[in-house]
Amino acid sequence: MLQAAHRSSIEIKDSYDFYVLALKEFNKENLSEAYLYCDRARYELTSAINDAKIKIKGSRFHSLRTISYFFKLYGLYAVIFASLAVVLFSFLITRFSEASILGVPLWSSFFAGLGSSAQILTGIADDLRRYGMASRYKRLWYMALPLLAMVFGYMAYLFVGSGFIAINGSTDSQAFSIMFTCFLTGFLTKWLIGRLSRMSRDI
């Protein structure tokens, strides 16, 4: 919360000071004092957020700083980006379903992009369920996930289409299986990035 407030240009000095005191008392295993300082830190943060609001005729309204704070705190920037990406990839799948590059249909990349967008939304929802705030996707790096997912989806189609994985069934069922494989590849983009990064360090 303090990080989100600081990045939104909200004054957090008093809140941060009490937060540090809470950590010191916690390290001393003085839990009662730690909880008191923690509550005071939250109170000071709430006061700082209220002070950052716009005052009009005795009423307080959210300012750009406080709106930015809540967007960062709950990962709403990532939610908006991923939602727009879902709409975009859904449109591309329906509009360019017949387009291909070197014999590989572009919907393979689009389904992977759709999967990565779903992964971002799932990550934000999981953070809010567990912690009440966003702990992942707070930086703009998540915008690169759909682009990387499109590459992985293209390669996934090549991998499946080359015969490394045998898919039985009718032509339609095989196509649906490949679509799901591309979507799942996009959904696992973050995991694939971690694996490939480890491999590159070992080379």
N, C-alpha and C. Protein backbone atom coordinates (compact mmCIF):
# COMPACT_ATOMS: atom_id res chain seq x y z
N MET A 1 0.82 -1.20 0.00
CA MET A 1 0.00 0.00 0.00
C MET A 1 0.86 1.26 0.00
N LEU A 2 1.92 1.23 0.80
CA LEU A 2 2.81 2.40 0.86
C LEU A 2 3.48 2.64 -0.48
N GLN A 3 3.88 1.56 -1.13
CA GLN A 3 4.53 1.70 -2.43
C GLN A 3 3.58 2.30 -3.46
N ALA A 4 2.35 1.83 -3.47
CA ALA A 4 1.36 2.36 -4.41
C ALA A 4 1.09 3.83 -4.14
N ALA A 5 1.02 4.20 -2.86
CA ALA A 5 0.78 5.60 -2.51
C ALA A 5 1.97 6.47 -2.90
N HIS A 6 3.17 5.98 -2.65
CA HIS A 6 4.37 6.75 -3.00
C HIS A 6 4.48 6.95 -4.50
N ARG A 7 4.17 5.93 -5.27
CA ARG A 7 4.22 6.03 -6.73
C ARG A 7 3.13 6.94 -7.27
N SER A 8 2.11 7.20 -6.45
CA SER A 8 1.04 8.11 -6.86
C SER A 8 1.25 9.52 -6.31
N SER A 9 2.46 9.78 -5.81
CA SER A 9 2.84 11.11 -5.29
C SER A 9 2.02 11.52 -4.07
N ILE A 10 1.67 10.55 -3.25
CA ILE A 10 0.98 10.82 -1.99
C ILE A 10 2.01 10.79 -0.86
N GLU A 11 1.95 11.78 0.01
CA GLU A 11 2.91 11.89 1.10
C GLU A 11 2.72 10.74 2.10
N ILE A 12 3.77 9.95 2.29
CA ILE A 12 3.64 8.77 3.15
C ILE A 12 4.68 8.76 4.27
N LYS A 13 5.36 9.88 4.50
CA LYS A 13 6.45 9.88 5.47
C LYS A 13 6.00 9.43 6.85
N ASP A 14 4.92 10.01 7.37
CA ASP A 14 4.45 9.64 8.71
C ASP A 14 4.05 8.18 8.77
N SER A 15 3.34 7.73 7.75
CA SER A 15 2.91 6.34 7.71
C SER A 15 4.12 5.41 7.64
N TYR A 16 5.10 5.78 6.84
CA TYR A 16 6.29 4.95 6.70
C TYR A 16 7.07 4.88 8.00
N ASP A 17 7.15 5.99 8.72
CA ASP A 17 7.87 6.00 10.00
C ASP A 17 7.24 5.02 10.99
N PHE A 18 5.92 5.02 11.07
CA PHE A 18 5.26 4.08 11.98
C PHE A 18 5.37 2.64 11.48
N TYR A 19 5.43 2.48 10.17
CA TYR A 19 5.62 1.14 9.61
C TYR A 19 6.99 0.58 10.00
N VAL A 20 8.01 1.43 9.96
CA VAL A 20 9.35 1.01 10.36
C VAL A 20 9.38 0.65 11.85
N LEU A 21 8.70 1.46 12.67
CA LEU A 21 8.63 1.15 14.10
C LEU A 21 7.92 -0.18 14.34
N ALA A 22 6.89 -0.44 13.56
CA ALA A 22 6.17 -1.71 13.70
C ALA A 22 7.08 -2.88 13.37
N LEU A 23 7.89 -2.74 12.33
CA LEU A 23 8.82 -3.81 11.97
C LEU A 23 9.86 -4.04 13.06
N LYS A 24 10.35 -2.95 13.64
CA LYS A 24 11.35 -3.08 14.70
C LYS A 24 10.76 -3.81 15.91
N GLU A 25 9.54 -3.44 16.29
CA GLU A 25 8.91 -4.10 17.43
C GLU A 25 8.58 -5.56 17.11
N PHE A 26 8.23 -5.81 15.87
CA PHE A 26 7.94 -7.19 15.46
C PHE A 26 9.19 -8.05 15.54
N ASN A 27 10.32 -7.49 15.11
CA ASN A 27 11.59 -8.23 15.19
C ASN A 27 12.00 -8.48 16.63
N LYS A 28 11.56 -7.62 17.54
CA LYS A 28 11.84 -7.82 18.96
C LYS A 28 10.82 -8.76 19.60
N GLU A 29 9.88 -9.25 18.78
CA GLU A 29 8.80 -10.13 19.23
C GLU A 29 7.88 -9.44 20.22
N ASN A 30 7.83 -8.12 20.12
CA ASN A 30 6.89 -7.33 20.92
C ASN A 30 5.65 -7.09 20.07
N LEU A 31 4.80 -8.11 19.99
CA LEU A 31 3.70 -8.09 19.02
C LEU A 31 2.66 -7.03 19.33
N SER A 32 2.38 -6.79 20.59
CA SER A 32 1.35 -5.81 20.94
C SER A 32 1.74 -4.41 20.45
N GLU A 33 2.99 -4.02 20.67
CA GLU A 33 3.45 -2.72 20.18
C GLU A 33 3.51 -2.69 18.66
N ALA A 34 3.89 -3.81 18.08
CA ALA A 34 3.98 -3.88 16.61
C ALA A 34 2.61 -3.67 15.98
N TYR A 35 1.57 -4.28 16.56
CA TYR A 35 0.22 -4.11 16.03
C TYR A 35 -0.26 -2.67 16.20
N LEU A 36 0.10 -2.06 17.31
CA LEU A 36 -0.30 -0.66 17.53
C LEU A 36 0.35 0.26 16.51
N TYR A 37 1.64 0.07 16.27
CA TYR A 37 2.33 0.90 15.28
C TYR A 37 1.80 0.62 13.87
N CYS A 38 1.45 -0.63 13.62
CA CYS A 38 0.91 -0.98 12.30
C CYS A 38 -0.44 -0.29 12.07
N ASP A 39 -1.28 -0.31 13.10
CA ASP A 39 -2.57 0.38 12.99
C ASP A 39 -2.37 1.88 12.80
N ARG A 40 -1.38 2.44 13.50
CA ARG A 40 -1.12 3.88 13.35
C ARG A 40 -0.60 4.18 11.95
N ALA A 41 0.21 3.28 11.40
CA ALA A 41 0.71 3.48 10.03
C ALA A 41 -0.45 3.49 9.04
N ARG A 42 -1.41 2.60 9.23
CA ARG A 42 -2.57 2.57 8.34
C ARG A 42 -3.42 3.83 8.50
N TYR A 43 -3.54 4.29 9.74
CA TYR A 43 -4.30 5.51 9.99
C TYR A 43 -3.65 6.71 9.30
N GLU A 44 -2.33 6.81 9.41
CA GLU A 44 -1.62 7.92 8.78
C GLU A 44 -1.72 7.83 7.26
N LEU A 45 -1.70 6.62 6.73
CA LEU A 45 -1.83 6.46 5.28
C LEU A 45 -3.22 6.89 4.82
N THR A 46 -4.24 6.49 5.58
CA THR A 46 -5.61 6.90 5.24
C THR A 46 -5.75 8.42 5.29
N SER A 47 -5.13 9.03 6.29
CA SER A 47 -5.17 10.49 6.41
C SER A 47 -4.47 11.15 5.23
N ALA A 48 -3.34 10.57 4.82
CA ALA A 48 -2.60 11.13 3.68
C ALA A 48 -3.41 11.02 2.40
N ILE A 49 -4.13 9.91 2.24
CA ILE A 49 -4.97 9.74 1.05
C ILE A 49 -6.11 10.75 1.06
N ASN A 50 -6.71 10.96 2.23
CA ASN A 50 -7.79 11.95 2.33
C ASN A 50 -7.27 13.36 2.06
N ASP A 51 -6.06 13.64 2.53
CA ASP A 51 -5.48 14.97 2.27
C ASP A 51 -5.18 15.18 0.79
N ALA A 52 -4.95 14.08 0.07
CA ALA A 52 -4.65 14.20 -1.36
C ALA A 52 -5.91 14.40 -2.20
N LYS A 53 -7.08 14.27 -1.58
CA LYS A 53 -8.32 14.47 -2.32
C LYS A 53 -8.57 15.96 -2.56
N ILE A 54 -9.43 16.23 -3.50
CA ILE A 54 -9.78 17.61 -3.84
C ILE A 54 -10.92 18.07 -2.93
N LYS A 55 -10.75 19.25 -2.36
CA LYS A 55 -11.77 19.81 -1.47
C LYS A 55 -12.58 20.86 -2.23
N ILE A 56 -13.88 20.63 -2.32
CA ILE A 56 -14.78 21.57 -2.98
C ILE A 56 -15.98 21.82 -2.08
N LYS A 57 -16.07 23.03 -1.55
CA LYS A 57 -17.19 23.45 -0.71
C LYS A 57 -17.42 22.48 0.46
N GLY A 58 -16.34 22.12 1.11
CA GLY A 58 -16.44 21.27 2.29
C GLY A 58 -16.51 19.79 2.00
N SER A 59 -16.62 19.42 0.74
CA SER A 59 -16.68 18.01 0.37
C SER A 59 -15.35 17.58 -0.26
N ARG A 60 -15.03 16.31 -0.09
CA ARG A 60 -13.80 15.77 -0.66
C ARG A 60 -14.13 14.87 -1.84
N PHE A 61 -13.37 15.05 -2.91
CA PHE A 61 -13.53 14.23 -4.11
C PHE A 61 -12.17 13.66 -4.50
N HIS A 62 -12.22 12.50 -5.12
CA HIS A 62 -10.98 11.86 -5.52
C HIS A 62 -10.23 12.72 -6.55
N SER A 63 -8.94 12.83 -6.34
CA SER A 63 -8.08 13.53 -7.28
C SER A 63 -7.40 12.51 -8.19
N LEU A 64 -6.63 13.00 -9.13
CA LEU A 64 -5.90 12.10 -10.01
C LEU A 64 -4.91 11.24 -9.22
N ARG A 65 -4.36 11.81 -8.15
CA ARG A 65 -3.40 11.06 -7.34
C ARG A 65 -4.08 9.91 -6.60
N THR A 66 -5.24 10.17 -6.01
CA THR A 66 -5.92 9.11 -5.27
C THR A 66 -6.49 8.05 -6.22
N ILE A 67 -6.97 8.48 -7.37
CA ILE A 67 -7.45 7.51 -8.37
C ILE A 67 -6.30 6.62 -8.83
N SER A 68 -5.14 7.26 -9.08
CA SER A 68 -3.96 6.49 -9.48
C SER A 68 -3.56 5.51 -8.39
N TYR A 69 -3.69 5.93 -7.13
CA TYR A 69 -3.35 5.04 -6.01
C TYR A 69 -4.20 3.78 -6.01
N PHE A 70 -5.51 3.95 -6.14
CA PHE A 70 -6.40 2.79 -6.12
C PHE A 70 -6.21 1.91 -7.36
N PHE A 71 -5.91 2.53 -8.49
CA PHE A 71 -5.64 1.75 -9.69
C PHE A 71 -4.39 0.89 -9.49
N LYS A 72 -3.36 1.46 -8.89
CA LYS A 72 -2.13 0.71 -8.64
C LYS A 72 -2.33 -0.34 -7.56
N LEU A 73 -3.08 0.02 -6.52
CA LEU A 73 -3.28 -0.89 -5.40
C LEU A 73 -4.02 -2.15 -5.82
N TYR A 74 -5.04 -2.01 -6.64
CA TYR A 74 -5.87 -3.15 -7.03
C TYR A 74 -5.56 -3.68 -8.43
N GLY A 75 -4.49 -3.18 -9.03
CA GLY A 75 -4.08 -3.70 -10.33
C GLY A 75 -5.06 -3.39 -11.45
N LEU A 76 -5.75 -2.27 -11.35
CA LEU A 76 -6.78 -1.96 -12.34
C LEU A 76 -6.20 -1.61 -13.70
N TYR A 77 -4.96 -1.09 -13.71
CA TYR A 77 -4.32 -0.83 -15.00
C TYR A 77 -4.14 -2.14 -15.77
N ALA A 78 -3.68 -3.17 -15.06
CA ALA A 78 -3.49 -4.47 -15.69
C ALA A 78 -4.83 -5.08 -16.11
N VAL A 79 -5.86 -4.87 -15.30
CA VAL A 79 -7.19 -5.40 -15.63
C VAL A 79 -7.71 -4.76 -16.91
N ILE A 80 -7.57 -3.44 -17.01
CA ILE A 80 -8.04 -2.73 -18.21
C ILE A 80 -7.25 -3.19 -19.43
N PHE A 81 -5.93 -3.28 -19.28
CA PHE A 81 -5.09 -3.71 -20.40
C PHE A 81 -5.47 -5.12 -20.86
N ALA A 82 -5.60 -6.04 -19.91
CA ALA A 82 -5.92 -7.43 -20.27
C ALA A 82 -7.32 -7.53 -20.87
N SER A 83 -8.26 -6.75 -20.37
CA SER A 83 -9.62 -6.78 -20.91
C SER A 83 -9.64 -6.29 -22.35
N LEU A 84 -8.91 -5.21 -22.61
CA LEU A 84 -8.82 -4.71 -23.99
C LEU A 84 -8.12 -5.72 -24.89
N ALA A 85 -7.11 -6.41 -24.33
CA ALA A 85 -6.40 -7.43 -25.11
C ALA A 85 -7.33 -8.59 -25.46
N VAL A 86 -8.21 -8.96 -24.53
CA VAL A 86 -9.18 -10.03 -24.80
C VAL A 86 -10.09 -9.63 -25.96
N VAL A 87 -10.57 -8.40 -25.93
CA VAL A 87 -11.43 -7.91 -27.01
C VAL A 87 -10.67 -7.89 -28.34
N LEU A 88 -9.43 -7.42 -28.30
CA LEU A 88 -8.62 -7.33 -29.52
C LEU A 88 -8.36 -8.70 -30.12
N PHE A 89 -7.91 -9.65 -29.30
CA PHE A 89 -7.59 -10.97 -29.83
C PHE A 89 -8.84 -11.72 -30.28
N SER A 90 -9.95 -11.50 -29.59
CA SER A 90 -11.21 -12.11 -30.03
C SER A 90 -11.60 -11.59 -31.40
N PHE A 91 -11.41 -10.29 -31.61
CA PHE A 91 -11.70 -9.71 -32.92
C PHE A 91 -10.77 -10.27 -33.99
N LEU A 92 -9.48 -10.37 -33.67
CA LEU A 92 -8.51 -10.88 -34.64
C LEU A 92 -8.80 -12.33 -35.01
N ILE A 93 -9.24 -13.12 -34.02
CA ILE A 93 -9.54 -14.53 -34.29
C ILE A 93 -10.70 -14.65 -35.28
N THR A 94 -11.72 -13.84 -35.09
CA THR A 94 -12.89 -13.92 -35.97
C THR A 94 -12.64 -13.23 -37.32
N ARG A 95 -11.84 -12.17 -37.30
CA ARG A 95 -11.64 -11.38 -38.53
C ARG A 95 -10.59 -11.99 -39.45
N PHE A 96 -9.54 -12.56 -38.88
CA PHE A 96 -8.44 -13.08 -39.69
C PHE A 96 -8.24 -14.57 -39.44
N SER A 97 -9.33 -15.30 -39.36
CA SER A 97 -9.24 -16.74 -39.08
C SER A 97 -8.59 -17.52 -40.22
N GLU A 98 -8.62 -16.97 -41.43
CA GLU A 98 -8.06 -17.68 -42.58
C GLU A 98 -6.64 -17.24 -42.91
N ALA A 99 -6.15 -16.19 -42.26
CA ALA A 99 -4.81 -15.68 -42.57
C ALA A 99 -3.75 -16.63 -42.02
N SER A 100 -2.62 -16.70 -42.72
CA SER A 100 -1.55 -17.60 -42.30
C SER A 100 -0.20 -17.04 -42.75
N ILE A 101 0.85 -17.50 -42.08
CA ILE A 101 2.23 -17.15 -42.44
C ILE A 101 3.02 -18.45 -42.53
N LEU A 102 3.57 -18.72 -43.70
CA LEU A 102 4.34 -19.94 -43.95
C LEU A 102 3.52 -21.19 -43.63
N GLY A 103 2.25 -21.11 -43.93
CA GLY A 103 1.38 -22.26 -43.71
C GLY A 103 0.85 -22.40 -42.30
N VAL A 104 1.26 -21.52 -41.41
CA VAL A 104 0.79 -21.56 -40.02
C VAL A 104 -0.31 -20.52 -39.85
N PRO A 105 -1.51 -20.94 -39.47
CA PRO A 105 -2.60 -19.97 -39.31
C PRO A 105 -2.31 -18.99 -38.18
N LEU A 106 -2.64 -17.73 -38.41
CA LEU A 106 -2.36 -16.71 -37.40
C LEU A 106 -3.24 -16.85 -36.17
N TRP A 107 -4.33 -17.60 -36.29
CA TRP A 107 -5.15 -17.76 -35.09
C TRP A 107 -4.39 -18.49 -33.99
N SER A 108 -3.33 -19.21 -34.35
CA SER A 108 -2.52 -19.86 -33.31
C SER A 108 -1.90 -18.82 -32.39
N SER A 109 -1.39 -17.74 -32.98
CA SER A 109 -0.83 -16.65 -32.17
C SER A 109 -1.92 -15.89 -31.43
N PHE A 110 -3.05 -15.71 -32.09
CA PHE A 110 -4.14 -14.95 -31.46
C PHE A 110 -4.71 -15.69 -30.26
N PHE A 111 -4.85 -17.02 -30.38
CA PHE A 111 -5.34 -17.79 -29.24
C PHE A 111 -4.34 -17.76 -28.08
N ALA A 112 -3.05 -17.76 -28.41
CA ALA A 112 -2.04 -17.66 -27.36
C ALA A 112 -2.10 -16.30 -26.68
N GLY A 113 -2.30 -15.24 -27.48
CA GLY A 113 -2.46 -13.91 -26.90
C GLY A 113 -3.68 -13.84 -26.00
N LEU A 114 -4.75 -14.51 -26.42
CA LEU A 114 -5.95 -14.57 -25.59
C LEU A 114 -5.66 -15.29 -24.28
N GLY A 115 -4.86 -16.35 -24.35
CA GLY A 115 -4.50 -17.09 -23.15
C GLY A 115 -3.67 -16.26 -22.19
N SER A 116 -2.72 -15.48 -22.71
CA SER A 116 -1.89 -14.64 -21.84
C SER A 116 -2.73 -13.54 -21.18
N SER A 117 -3.71 -13.02 -21.91
CA SER A 117 -4.61 -12.02 -21.33
C SER A 117 -5.42 -12.62 -20.19
N ALA A 118 -5.88 -13.85 -20.40
CA ALA A 118 -6.61 -14.55 -19.34
C ALA A 118 -5.72 -14.81 -18.14
N GLN A 119 -4.44 -15.06 -18.39
CA GLN A 119 -3.50 -15.30 -17.29
C GLN A 119 -3.31 -14.04 -16.44
N ILE A 120 -3.24 -12.89 -17.08
CA ILE A 120 -3.10 -11.63 -16.35
C ILE A 120 -4.33 -11.40 -15.47
N LEU A 121 -5.52 -11.59 -16.04
CA LEU A 121 -6.75 -11.41 -15.27
C LEU A 121 -6.83 -12.41 -14.12
N THR A 122 -6.41 -13.65 -14.38
CA THR A 122 -6.43 -14.67 -13.33
C THR A 122 -5.47 -14.32 -12.21
N GLY A 123 -4.28 -13.81 -12.57
CA GLY A 123 -3.30 -13.43 -11.56
C GLY A 123 -3.80 -12.30 -10.68
N ILE A 124 -4.43 -11.29 -11.28
CA ILE A 124 -4.98 -10.18 -10.51
C ILE A 124 -6.10 -10.67 -9.59
N ALA A 125 -6.98 -11.50 -10.12
CA ALA A 125 -8.09 -12.03 -9.31
C ALA A 125 -7.57 -12.86 -8.14
N ASP A 126 -6.52 -13.64 -8.37
CA ASP A 126 -5.94 -14.45 -7.30
C ASP A 126 -5.30 -13.57 -6.23
N ASP A 127 -4.62 -12.51 -6.65
CA ASP A 127 -4.02 -11.58 -5.69
C ASP A 127 -5.09 -10.92 -4.82
N LEU A 128 -6.16 -10.45 -5.45
CA LEU A 128 -7.23 -9.79 -4.70
C LEU A 128 -7.91 -10.76 -3.75
N ARG A 129 -8.04 -12.01 -4.17
CA ARG A 129 -8.67 -13.02 -3.31
C ARG A 129 -7.79 -13.33 -2.11
N ARG A 130 -6.48 -13.40 -2.33
CA ARG A 130 -5.57 -13.79 -1.24
C ARG A 130 -5.18 -12.62 -0.34
N TYR A 131 -4.80 -11.50 -0.97
CA TYR A 131 -4.19 -10.41 -0.21
C TYR A 131 -5.04 -9.14 -0.15
N GLY A 132 -6.09 -9.06 -0.97
CA GLY A 132 -6.89 -7.86 -1.00
C GLY A 132 -6.28 -6.73 -1.80
N MET A 133 -5.17 -7.00 -2.46
CA MET A 133 -4.49 -6.02 -3.30
C MET A 133 -3.65 -6.77 -4.33
N ALA A 134 -3.21 -6.04 -5.34
CA ALA A 134 -2.41 -6.66 -6.40
C ALA A 134 -0.95 -6.73 -5.97
N SER A 135 -0.38 -7.92 -6.02
CA SER A 135 1.04 -8.09 -5.73
C SER A 135 1.83 -8.41 -6.99
N ARG A 136 1.13 -8.83 -8.05
CA ARG A 136 1.77 -9.09 -9.34
C ARG A 136 1.27 -8.07 -10.36
N TYR A 137 2.00 -7.99 -11.45
CA TYR A 137 1.60 -7.12 -12.56
C TYR A 137 1.44 -5.67 -12.13
N LYS A 138 2.34 -5.21 -11.26
CA LYS A 138 2.32 -3.82 -10.85
C LYS A 138 3.21 -2.95 -11.75
N ARG A 139 4.06 -3.59 -12.51
CA ARG A 139 4.92 -2.88 -13.44
C ARG A 139 4.40 -3.09 -14.86
N LEU A 140 4.88 -2.27 -15.77
CA LEU A 140 4.37 -2.32 -17.14
C LEU A 140 4.91 -3.49 -17.94
N TRP A 141 5.75 -4.33 -17.32
CA TRP A 141 6.32 -5.44 -18.08
C TRP A 141 5.25 -6.41 -18.56
N TYR A 142 4.10 -6.45 -17.87
CA TYR A 142 3.06 -7.40 -18.27
C TYR A 142 2.52 -7.11 -19.66
N MET A 143 2.76 -5.88 -20.17
CA MET A 143 2.30 -5.56 -21.52
C MET A 143 3.05 -6.37 -22.57
N ALA A 144 4.21 -6.90 -22.21
CA ALA A 144 4.97 -7.71 -23.16
C ALA A 144 4.47 -9.15 -23.22
N LEU A 145 3.67 -9.57 -22.24
CA LEU A 145 3.21 -10.96 -22.20
C LEU A 145 2.41 -11.37 -23.44
N PRO A 146 1.42 -10.58 -23.88
CA PRO A 146 0.68 -11.00 -25.09
C PRO A 146 1.57 -11.11 -26.32
N LEU A 147 2.55 -10.22 -26.45
CA LEU A 147 3.44 -10.29 -27.61
C LEU A 147 4.29 -11.56 -27.58
N LEU A 148 4.85 -11.86 -26.42
CA LEU A 148 5.62 -13.10 -26.29
C LEU A 148 4.73 -14.32 -26.46
N ALA A 149 3.50 -14.23 -25.97
CA ALA A 149 2.57 -15.35 -26.10
C ALA A 149 2.26 -15.64 -27.56
N MET A 150 2.18 -14.59 -28.38
CA MET A 150 1.92 -14.80 -29.80
C MET A 150 3.05 -15.60 -30.45
N VAL A 151 4.28 -15.31 -30.04
CA VAL A 151 5.42 -16.07 -30.57
C VAL A 151 5.35 -17.52 -30.10
N PHE A 152 5.07 -17.71 -28.81
CA PHE A 152 4.98 -19.07 -28.27
C PHE A 152 3.83 -19.84 -28.91
N GLY A 153 2.71 -19.16 -29.16
CA GLY A 153 1.58 -19.83 -29.80
C GLY A 153 1.90 -20.28 -31.21
N TYR A 154 2.62 -19.44 -31.93
CA TYR A 154 3.05 -19.80 -33.29
C TYR A 154 3.93 -21.04 -33.25
N MET A 155 4.89 -21.04 -32.31
CA MET A 155 5.79 -22.19 -32.20
C MET A 155 5.05 -23.43 -31.70
N ALA A 156 4.05 -23.23 -30.85
CA ALA A 156 3.28 -24.38 -30.37
C ALA A 156 2.54 -25.06 -31.52
N TYR A 157 2.03 -24.26 -32.44
CA TYR A 157 1.36 -24.85 -33.61
C TYR A 157 2.36 -25.64 -34.44
N LEU A 158 3.56 -25.09 -34.63
CA LEU A 158 4.58 -25.82 -35.38
C LEU A 158 4.94 -27.12 -34.68
N PHE A 159 5.03 -27.07 -33.35
CA PHE A 159 5.39 -28.25 -32.58
C PHE A 159 4.34 -29.34 -32.72
N VAL A 160 3.07 -28.95 -32.60
CA VAL A 160 1.99 -29.93 -32.70
C VAL A 160 1.82 -30.38 -34.15
N GLY A 161 1.89 -29.42 -35.08
CA GLY A 161 1.69 -29.76 -36.48
C GLY A 161 2.79 -30.61 -37.07
N SER A 162 3.97 -30.57 -36.45
CA SER A 162 5.08 -31.36 -36.98
C SER A 162 4.97 -32.84 -36.65
N GLY A 163 4.04 -33.18 -35.77
CA GLY A 163 3.83 -34.58 -35.44
C GLY A 163 4.49 -35.04 -34.16
N PHE A 164 5.12 -34.11 -33.41
CA PHE A 164 5.72 -34.50 -32.13
C PHE A 164 4.66 -34.99 -31.15
N ILE A 165 3.47 -34.41 -31.27
CA ILE A 165 2.35 -34.82 -30.43
C ILE A 165 1.24 -35.32 -31.35
N ALA A 166 0.88 -36.58 -31.20
CA ALA A 166 -0.16 -37.16 -32.05
C ALA A 166 -1.53 -36.81 -31.49
N ILE A 167 -2.37 -36.22 -32.34
CA ILE A 167 -3.73 -35.87 -31.95
C ILE A 167 -4.68 -36.66 -32.83
N ASN A 168 -5.42 -37.55 -32.20
CA ASN A 168 -6.37 -38.38 -32.93
C ASN A 168 -7.74 -37.72 -32.97
N GLY A 169 -8.56 -38.19 -33.87
CA GLY A 169 -9.92 -37.67 -33.97
C GLY A 169 -10.18 -37.07 -35.33
N SER A 170 -11.36 -36.48 -35.46
CA SER A 170 -11.73 -35.87 -36.73
C SER A 170 -10.95 -34.59 -36.96
N THR A 171 -11.11 -34.04 -38.14
CA THR A 171 -10.40 -32.80 -38.48
C THR A 171 -10.80 -31.66 -37.56
N ASP A 172 -12.09 -31.57 -37.27
CA ASP A 172 -12.56 -30.50 -36.38
C ASP A 172 -12.02 -30.66 -34.97
N SER A 173 -12.04 -31.89 -34.46
CA SER A 173 -11.55 -32.11 -33.10
C SER A 173 -10.05 -31.84 -33.01
N GLN A 174 -9.31 -32.17 -34.06
CA GLN A 174 -7.88 -31.87 -34.08
C GLN A 174 -7.64 -30.37 -34.07
N ALA A 175 -8.44 -29.63 -34.84
CA ALA A 175 -8.29 -28.18 -34.88
C ALA A 175 -8.60 -27.56 -33.52
N PHE A 176 -9.66 -28.05 -32.87
CA PHE A 176 -10.01 -27.53 -31.55
C PHE A 176 -8.92 -27.86 -30.52
N SER A 177 -8.33 -29.04 -30.66
CA SER A 177 -7.25 -29.42 -29.74
C SER A 177 -6.04 -28.51 -29.91
N ILE A 178 -5.73 -28.17 -31.15
CA ILE A 178 -4.60 -27.27 -31.40
C ILE A 178 -4.91 -25.87 -30.88
N MET A 179 -6.15 -25.43 -31.07
CA MET A 179 -6.55 -24.12 -30.53
C MET A 179 -6.37 -24.07 -29.02
N PHE A 180 -6.81 -25.15 -28.36
CA PHE A 180 -6.67 -25.20 -26.91
C PHE A 180 -5.20 -25.24 -26.50
N THR A 181 -4.39 -25.96 -27.27
CA THR A 181 -2.95 -26.02 -26.98
C THR A 181 -2.31 -24.64 -27.09
N CYS A 182 -2.69 -23.90 -28.12
CA CYS A 182 -2.15 -22.55 -28.29
C CYS A 182 -2.62 -21.63 -27.16
N PHE A 183 -3.89 -21.75 -26.79
CA PHE A 183 -4.42 -20.94 -25.68
C PHE A 183 -3.68 -21.27 -24.39
N LEU A 184 -3.48 -22.56 -24.13
CA LEU A 184 -2.79 -22.98 -22.91
C LEU A 184 -1.34 -22.52 -22.92
N THR A 185 -0.71 -22.55 -24.09
CA THR A 185 0.66 -22.04 -24.20
C THR A 185 0.72 -20.57 -23.83
N GLY A 186 -0.24 -19.80 -24.33
CA GLY A 186 -0.29 -18.38 -23.97
C GLY A 186 -0.55 -18.17 -22.49
N PHE A 187 -1.40 -19.00 -21.91
CA PHE A 187 -1.71 -18.89 -20.49
C PHE A 187 -0.47 -19.19 -19.64
N LEU A 188 0.41 -20.04 -20.15
CA LEU A 188 1.62 -20.42 -19.42
C LEU A 188 2.84 -19.59 -19.84
N THR A 189 2.61 -18.46 -20.49
CA THR A 189 3.72 -17.64 -20.98
C THR A 189 4.67 -17.23 -19.87
N LYS A 190 4.13 -16.79 -18.75
CA LYS A 190 4.99 -16.35 -17.65
C LYS A 190 5.86 -17.50 -17.15
N TRP A 191 5.28 -18.69 -17.07
CA TRP A 191 6.04 -19.86 -16.65
C TRP A 191 7.11 -20.20 -17.67
N LEU A 192 6.77 -20.10 -18.96
CA LEU A 192 7.74 -20.39 -20.01
C LEU A 192 8.90 -19.40 -19.98
N ILE A 193 8.59 -18.13 -19.70
CA ILE A 193 9.65 -17.12 -19.62
C ILE A 193 10.64 -17.49 -18.52
N GLY A 194 10.11 -17.92 -17.37
CA GLY A 194 10.98 -18.32 -16.27
C GLY A 194 11.86 -19.50 -16.63
N ARG A 195 11.27 -20.49 -17.30
CA ARG A 195 12.04 -21.67 -17.69
C ARG A 195 13.12 -21.33 -18.71
N LEU A 196 12.76 -20.55 -19.71
CA LEU A 196 13.72 -20.18 -20.75
C LEU A 196 14.82 -19.29 -20.19
N SER A 197 14.48 -18.44 -19.22
CA SER A 197 15.50 -17.59 -18.59
C SER A 197 16.52 -18.44 -17.85
N ARG A 198 16.05 -19.47 -17.16
CA ARG A 198 16.97 -20.37 -16.46
C ARG A 198 17.87 -21.11 -17.44
N MET A 199 17.28 -21.55 -18.55
CA MET A 199 18.08 -22.25 -19.55
C MET A 199 19.14 -21.34 -20.15
N SER A 200 18.78 -20.08 -20.41
CA SER A 200 19.74 -19.15 -21.01
C SER A 200 20.89 -18.84 -20.05
N ARG A 201 20.60 -18.83 -18.74
CA ARG A 201 21.67 -18.58 -17.77
C ARG A 201 22.62 -19.77 -17.66
N ASP A 202 22.09 -20.96 -17.92
CA ASP A 202 22.92 -22.17 -17.81
C ASP A 202 23.78 -22.41 -19.05
N ILE A 203 23.43 -21.73 -20.14
CA ILE A 203 24.20 -21.94 -21.39
C ILE A 203 25.54 -21.21 -21.31
